[in-house]
Amino acid sequence: MPKFEQLKEAIEASETLSSEEKTQSVKHIEEWVREDRAFGLIYDELLEVNMAFKEIFRELGLV
């Protein structure tokens, strides 16, 4: 499964993120995929939304 699909699933399953944070985060990921941006950039952008992403990325083995 591609990284972006793993992230989207983890975001949707998160009990830490609000609905607004989930929506905003998925938009960031979709933009990342469209623009073929570096993985580190999406990580930084999502951390700006909520620091809970550190744990999400860690659980997925992406950092």
PDB file of N, CA and C in Angstrom:
ATOM      1  N   MET A   1       0.853  -1.183   0.000  1.00  0.00           N
ATOM      2  CA  MET A   1       0.000   0.000   0.000  1.00  0.00           C
ATOM      3  C   MET A   1       0.894   1.241   0.000  1.00  0.00           C
ATOM      4  N   PRO A   2       0.615   2.182  -0.897  1.00  0.00           N
ATOM      5  CA  PRO A   2       1.430   3.415  -0.936  1.00  0.00           C
ATOM      6  C   PRO A   2       1.352   4.182   0.386  1.00  0.00           C
ATOM      7  N   LYS A   3       2.406   4.934   0.652  1.00  0.00           N
ATOM      8  CA  LYS A   3       2.473   5.701   1.897  1.00  0.00           C
ATOM      9  C   LYS A   3       1.269   6.611   2.080  1.00  0.00           C
ATOM     10  N   PHE A   4       0.847   7.276   0.996  1.00  0.00           N
ATOM     11  CA  PHE A   4      -0.255   8.221   1.148  1.00  0.00           C
ATOM     12  C   PHE A   4      -1.553   7.519   1.531  1.00  0.00           C
ATOM     13  N   GLU A   5      -1.770   6.307   1.060  1.00  0.00           N
ATOM     14  CA  GLU A   5      -2.961   5.563   1.446  1.00  0.00           C
ATOM     15  C   GLU A   5      -2.897   5.168   2.923  1.00  0.00           C
ATOM     16  N   GLN A   6      -1.713   4.769   3.377  1.00  0.00           N
ATOM     17  CA  GLN A   6      -1.532   4.438   4.797  1.00  0.00           C
ATOM     18  C   GLN A   6      -1.836   5.656   5.662  1.00  0.00           C
ATOM     19  N   LEU A   7      -1.329   6.807   5.244  1.00  0.00           N
ATOM     20  CA  LEU A   7      -1.555   8.036   6.008  1.00  0.00           C
ATOM     21  C   LEU A   7      -3.030   8.393   6.060  1.00  0.00           C
ATOM     22  N   LYS A   8      -3.700   8.325   4.922  1.00  0.00           N
ATOM     23  CA  LYS A   8      -5.117   8.666   4.882  1.00  0.00           C
ATOM     24  C   LYS A   8      -5.924   7.750   5.799  1.00  0.00           C
ATOM     25  N   GLU A   9      -5.631   6.467   5.776  1.00  0.00           N
ATOM     26  CA  GLU A   9      -6.337   5.527   6.648  1.00  0.00           C
ATOM     27  C   GLU A   9      -6.071   5.824   8.120  1.00  0.00           C
ATOM     28  N   ALA A  10      -4.815   6.129   8.435  1.00  0.00           N
ATOM     29  CA  ALA A  10      -4.461   6.435   9.825  1.00  0.00           C
ATOM     30  C   ALA A  10      -5.139   7.722  10.290  1.00  0.00           C
ATOM     31  N   ILE A  11      -5.226   8.691   9.409  1.00  0.00           N
ATOM     32  CA  ILE A  11      -5.885   9.953   9.748  1.00  0.00           C
ATOM     33  C   ILE A  11      -7.361   9.715  10.023  1.00  0.00           C
ATOM     34  N   GLU A  12      -8.010   8.981   9.139  1.00  0.00           N
ATOM     35  CA  GLU A  12      -9.436   8.713   9.309  1.00  0.00           C
ATOM     36  C   GLU A  12      -9.714   7.922  10.582  1.00  0.00           C
ATOM     37  N   ALA A  13      -8.786   7.067  10.985  1.00  0.00           N
ATOM     38  CA  ALA A  13      -8.974   6.248  12.179  1.00  0.00           C
ATOM     39  C   ALA A  13      -8.568   6.960  13.468  1.00  0.00           C
ATOM     40  N   SER A  14      -7.888   8.086  13.340  1.00  0.00           N
ATOM     41  CA  SER A  14      -7.368   8.789  14.515  1.00  0.00           C
ATOM     42  C   SER A  14      -8.487   9.263  15.439  1.00  0.00           C
ATOM     43  N   GLU A  15      -8.268   9.034  16.719  1.00  0.00           N
ATOM     44  CA  GLU A  15      -9.192   9.544  17.732  1.00  0.00           C
ATOM     45  C   GLU A  15      -8.666  10.835  18.341  1.00  0.00           C
ATOM     46  N   THR A  16      -7.446  11.211  17.973  1.00  0.00           N
ATOM     47  CA  THR A  16      -6.802  12.404  18.501  1.00  0.00           C
ATOM     48  C   THR A  16      -7.154  13.646  17.678  1.00  0.00           C
ATOM     49  N   LEU A  17      -7.296  13.464  16.362  1.00  0.00           N
ATOM     50  CA  LEU A  17      -7.535  14.590  15.467  1.00  0.00           C
ATOM     51  C   LEU A  17      -9.012  14.945  15.393  1.00  0.00           C
ATOM     52  N   SER A  18      -9.291  16.243  15.280  1.00  0.00           N
ATOM     53  CA  SER A  18     -10.668  16.695  15.095  1.00  0.00           C
ATOM     54  C   SER A  18     -11.077  16.446  13.642  1.00  0.00           C
ATOM     55  N   SER A  19     -12.347  16.555  13.364  1.00  0.00           N
ATOM     56  CA  SER A  19     -12.840  16.379  11.992  1.00  0.00           C
ATOM     57  C   SER A  19     -12.187  17.391  11.055  1.00  0.00           C
ATOM     58  N   GLU A  20     -12.045  18.619  11.521  1.00  0.00           N
ATOM     59  CA  GLU A  20     -11.423  19.671  10.708  1.00  0.00           C
ATOM     60  C   GLU A  20      -9.959  19.339  10.430  1.00  0.00           C
ATOM     61  N   GLU A  21      -9.243  18.867  11.441  1.00  0.00           N
ATOM     62  CA  GLU A  21      -7.833  18.497  11.258  1.00  0.00           C
ATOM     63  C   GLU A  21      -7.712  17.315  10.292  1.00  0.00           C
ATOM     64  N   LYS A  22      -8.633  16.380  10.383  1.00  0.00           N
ATOM     65  CA  LYS A  22      -8.609  15.243   9.457  1.00  0.00           C
ATOM     66  C   LYS A  22      -8.809  15.722   8.024  1.00  0.00           C
ATOM     67  N   THR A  23      -9.802  16.572   7.808  1.00  0.00           N
ATOM     68  CA  THR A  23     -10.087  17.093   6.470  1.00  0.00           C
ATOM     69  C   THR A  23      -8.896  17.871   5.930  1.00  0.00           C
ATOM     70  N   GLN A  24      -8.341  18.744   6.732  1.00  0.00           N
ATOM     71  CA  GLN A  24      -7.204  19.561   6.318  1.00  0.00           C
ATOM     72  C   GLN A  24      -5.998  18.679   6.003  1.00  0.00           C
ATOM     73  N   SER A  25      -5.787  17.672   6.792  1.00  0.00           N
ATOM     74  CA  SER A  25      -4.642  16.788   6.609  1.00  0.00           C
ATOM     75  C   SER A  25      -4.758  15.975   5.319  1.00  0.00           C
ATOM     76  N   VAL A  26      -5.957  15.468   5.052  1.00  0.00           N
ATOM     77  CA  VAL A  26      -6.160  14.702   3.818  1.00  0.00           C
ATOM     78  C   VAL A  26      -5.935  15.608   2.609  1.00  0.00           C
ATOM     79  N   LYS A  27      -6.365  16.863   2.697  1.00  0.00           N
ATOM     80  CA  LYS A  27      -6.119  17.811   1.594  1.00  0.00           C
ATOM     81  C   LYS A  27      -4.622  17.988   1.371  1.00  0.00           C
ATOM     82  N   HIS A  28      -3.845  18.098   2.448  1.00  0.00           N
ATOM     83  CA  HIS A  28      -2.387  18.218   2.333  1.00  0.00           C
ATOM     84  C   HIS A  28      -1.813  16.993   1.619  1.00  0.00           C
ATOM     85  N   ILE A  29      -2.272  15.828   1.998  1.00  0.00           N
ATOM     86  CA  ILE A  29      -1.759  14.593   1.393  1.00  0.00           C
ATOM     87  C   ILE A  29      -2.109  14.528  -0.091  1.00  0.00           C
ATOM     88  N   GLU A  30      -3.349  14.858  -0.428  1.00  0.00           N
ATOM     89  CA  GLU A  30      -3.752  14.828  -1.834  1.00  0.00           C
ATOM     90  C   GLU A  30      -2.946  15.820  -2.654  1.00  0.00           C
ATOM     91  N   GLU A  31      -2.673  16.986  -2.097  1.00  0.00           N
ATOM     92  CA  GLU A  31      -1.840  17.986  -2.776  1.00  0.00           C
ATOM     93  C   GLU A  31      -0.422  17.452  -2.953  1.00  0.00           C
ATOM     94  N   TRP A  32       0.088  16.808  -1.920  1.00  0.00           N
ATOM     95  CA  TRP A  32       1.425  16.219  -1.955  1.00  0.00           C
ATOM     96  C   TRP A  32       1.530  15.215  -3.098  1.00  0.00           C
ATOM     97  N   VAL A  33       0.514  14.368  -3.243  1.00  0.00           N
ATOM     98  CA  VAL A  33       0.526  13.344  -4.294  1.00  0.00           C
ATOM     99  C   VAL A  33       0.449  14.009  -5.666  1.00  0.00           C
ATOM    100  N   ARG A  34      -0.442  14.985  -5.835  1.00  0.00           N
ATOM    101  CA  ARG A  34      -0.585  15.676  -7.127  1.00  0.00           C
ATOM    102  C   ARG A  34       0.716  16.355  -7.540  1.00  0.00           C
ATOM    103  N   GLU A  35       1.381  16.972  -6.594  1.00  0.00           N
ATOM    104  CA  GLU A  35       2.586  17.733  -6.897  1.00  0.00           C
ATOM    105  C   GLU A  35       3.858  16.895  -6.791  1.00  0.00           C
ATOM    106  N   ASP A  36       3.716  15.629  -6.403  1.00  0.00           N
ATOM    107  CA  ASP A  36       4.853  14.727  -6.260  1.00  0.00           C
ATOM    108  C   ASP A  36       5.940  15.362  -5.407  1.00  0.00           C
ATOM    109  N   ARG A  37       5.539  15.846  -4.244  1.00  0.00           N
ATOM    110  CA  ARG A  37       6.461  16.536  -3.350  1.00  0.00           C
ATOM    111  C   ARG A  37       7.244  15.550  -2.500  1.00  0.00           C
ATOM    112  N   ALA A  38       8.327  16.028  -1.969  1.00  0.00           N
ATOM    113  CA  ALA A  38       9.179  15.212  -1.110  1.00  0.00           C
ATOM    114  C   ALA A  38       8.429  14.829   0.163  1.00  0.00           C
ATOM    115  N   PHE A  39       8.667  13.617   0.644  1.00  0.00           N
ATOM    116  CA  PHE A  39       7.976  13.105   1.821  1.00  0.00           C
ATOM    117  C   PHE A  39       8.197  13.991   3.045  1.00  0.00           C
ATOM    118  N   GLY A  40       9.392  14.510   3.217  1.00  0.00           N
ATOM    119  CA  GLY A  40       9.695  15.352   4.373  1.00  0.00           C
ATOM    120  C   GLY A  40       8.834  16.597   4.441  1.00  0.00           C
ATOM    121  N   LEU A  41       8.431  17.112   3.293  1.00  0.00           N
ATOM    122  CA  LEU A  41       7.592  18.313   3.274  1.00  0.00           C
ATOM    123  C   LEU A  41       6.204  18.038   3.838  1.00  0.00           C
ATOM    124  N   ILE A  42       5.617  16.908   3.458  1.00  0.00           N
ATOM    125  CA  ILE A  42       4.278  16.606   3.970  1.00  0.00           C
ATOM    126  C   ILE A  42       4.340  16.334   5.472  1.00  0.00           C
ATOM    127  N   TYR A  43       5.397  15.719   5.912  1.00  0.00           N
ATOM    128  CA  TYR A  43       5.572  15.468   7.352  1.00  0.00           C
ATOM    129  C   TYR A  43       5.574  16.798   8.105  1.00  0.00           C
ATOM    130  N   ASP A  44       6.357  17.756   7.636  1.00  0.00           N
ATOM    131  CA  ASP A  44       6.429  19.067   8.289  1.00  0.00           C
ATOM    132  C   ASP A  44       5.080  19.781   8.260  1.00  0.00           C
ATOM    133  N   GLU A  45       4.386  19.717   7.114  1.00  0.00           N
ATOM    134  CA  GLU A  45       3.094  20.387   6.995  1.00  0.00           C
ATOM    135  C   GLU A  45       2.062  19.775   7.939  1.00  0.00           C
ATOM    136  N   LEU A  46       2.060  18.463   8.050  1.00  0.00           N
ATOM    137  CA  LEU A  46       1.087  17.815   8.919  1.00  0.00           C
ATOM    138  C   LEU A  46       1.392  18.062  10.389  1.00  0.00           C
ATOM    139  N   LEU A  47       2.662  18.187  10.734  1.00  0.00           N
ATOM    140  CA  LEU A  47       3.002  18.525  12.126  1.00  0.00           C
ATOM    141  C   LEU A  47       2.486  19.910  12.494  1.00  0.00           C
ATOM    142  N   GLU A  48       2.388  20.798  11.504  1.00  0.00           N
ATOM    143  CA  GLU A  48       1.839  22.124  11.761  1.00  0.00           C
ATOM    144  C   GLU A  48       0.346  22.039  12.082  1.00  0.00           C
ATOM    145  N   VAL A  49      -0.344  21.046  11.532  1.00  0.00           N
ATOM    146  CA  VAL A  49      -1.769  20.857  11.802  1.00  0.00           C
ATOM    147  C   VAL A  49      -1.958  20.341  13.218  1.00  0.00           C
ATOM    148  N   ASN A  50      -1.184  19.301  13.586  1.00  0.00           N
ATOM    149  CA  ASN A  50      -1.311  18.722  14.919  1.00  0.00           C
ATOM    150  C   ASN A  50      -0.074  17.876  15.203  1.00  0.00           C
ATOM    151  N   MET A  51       0.504  18.038  16.373  1.00  0.00           N
ATOM    152  CA  MET A  51       1.703  17.283  16.742  1.00  0.00           C
ATOM    153  C   MET A  51       1.420  15.780  16.863  1.00  0.00           C
ATOM    154  N   ALA A  52       0.160  15.388  16.878  1.00  0.00           N
ATOM    155  CA  ALA A  52      -0.203  13.972  16.947  1.00  0.00           C
ATOM    156  C   ALA A  52       0.332  13.207  15.741  1.00  0.00           C
ATOM    157  N   PHE A  53       0.659  13.917  14.681  1.00  0.00           N
ATOM    158  CA  PHE A  53       1.183  13.245  13.497  1.00  0.00           C
ATOM    159  C   PHE A  53       2.533  12.588  13.746  1.00  0.00           C
ATOM    160  N   LYS A  54       3.286  13.071  14.723  1.00  0.00           N
ATOM    161  CA  LYS A  54       4.543  12.395  15.057  1.00  0.00           C
ATOM    162  C   LYS A  54       4.271  10.941  15.400  1.00  0.00           C
ATOM    163  N   GLU A  55       3.265  10.719  16.241  1.00  0.00           N
ATOM    164  CA  GLU A  55       2.913   9.360  16.643  1.00  0.00           C
ATOM    165  C   GLU A  55       2.329   8.560  15.480  1.00  0.00           C
ATOM    166  N   ILE A  56       1.482   9.192  14.674  1.00  0.00           N
ATOM    167  CA  ILE A  56       0.893   8.491  13.520  1.00  0.00           C
ATOM    168  C   ILE A  56       1.976   8.026  12.573  1.00  0.00           C
ATOM    169  N   PHE A  57       2.927   8.895  12.243  1.00  0.00           N
ATOM    170  CA  PHE A  57       4.017   8.524  11.350  1.00  0.00           C
ATOM    171  C   PHE A  57       4.860   7.420  11.979  1.00  0.00           C
ATOM    172  N   ARG A  58       5.109   7.532  13.273  1.00  0.00           N
ATOM    173  CA  ARG A  58       5.906   6.531  13.983  1.00  0.00           C
ATOM    174  C   ARG A  58       5.205   5.168  13.954  1.00  0.00           C
ATOM    175  N   GLU A  59       3.908   5.151  14.220  1.00  0.00           N
ATOM    176  CA  GLU A  59       3.151   3.895  14.216  1.00  0.00           C
ATOM    177  C   GLU A  59       3.156   3.230  12.839  1.00  0.00           C
ATOM    178  N   LEU A  60       3.160   4.053  11.792  1.00  0.00           N
ATOM    179  CA  LEU A  60       3.177   3.513  10.418  1.00  0.00           C
ATOM    180  C   LEU A  60       4.587   3.123   9.964  1.00  0.00           C
ATOM    181  N   GLY A  61       5.588   3.435  10.799  1.00  0.00           N
ATOM    182  CA  GLY A  61       6.969   3.121  10.442  1.00  0.00           C
ATOM    183  C   GLY A  61       7.489   4.021   9.331  1.00  0.00           C
ATOM    184  N   LEU A  62       6.961   5.236   9.239  1.00  0.00           N
ATOM    185  CA  LEU A  62       7.369   6.145   8.169  1.00  0.00           C
ATOM    186  C   LEU A  62       8.453   7.123   8.584  1.00  0.00           C
ATOM    187  N   VAL A  63       8.756   7.170   9.882  1.00  0.00           N
ATOM    188  CA  VAL A  63       9.859   8.017  10.360  1.00  0.00           C
ATOM    189  C   VAL A  63      10.723   7.224  11.310  1.00  0.00           C
TER     190      VAL A  63
END
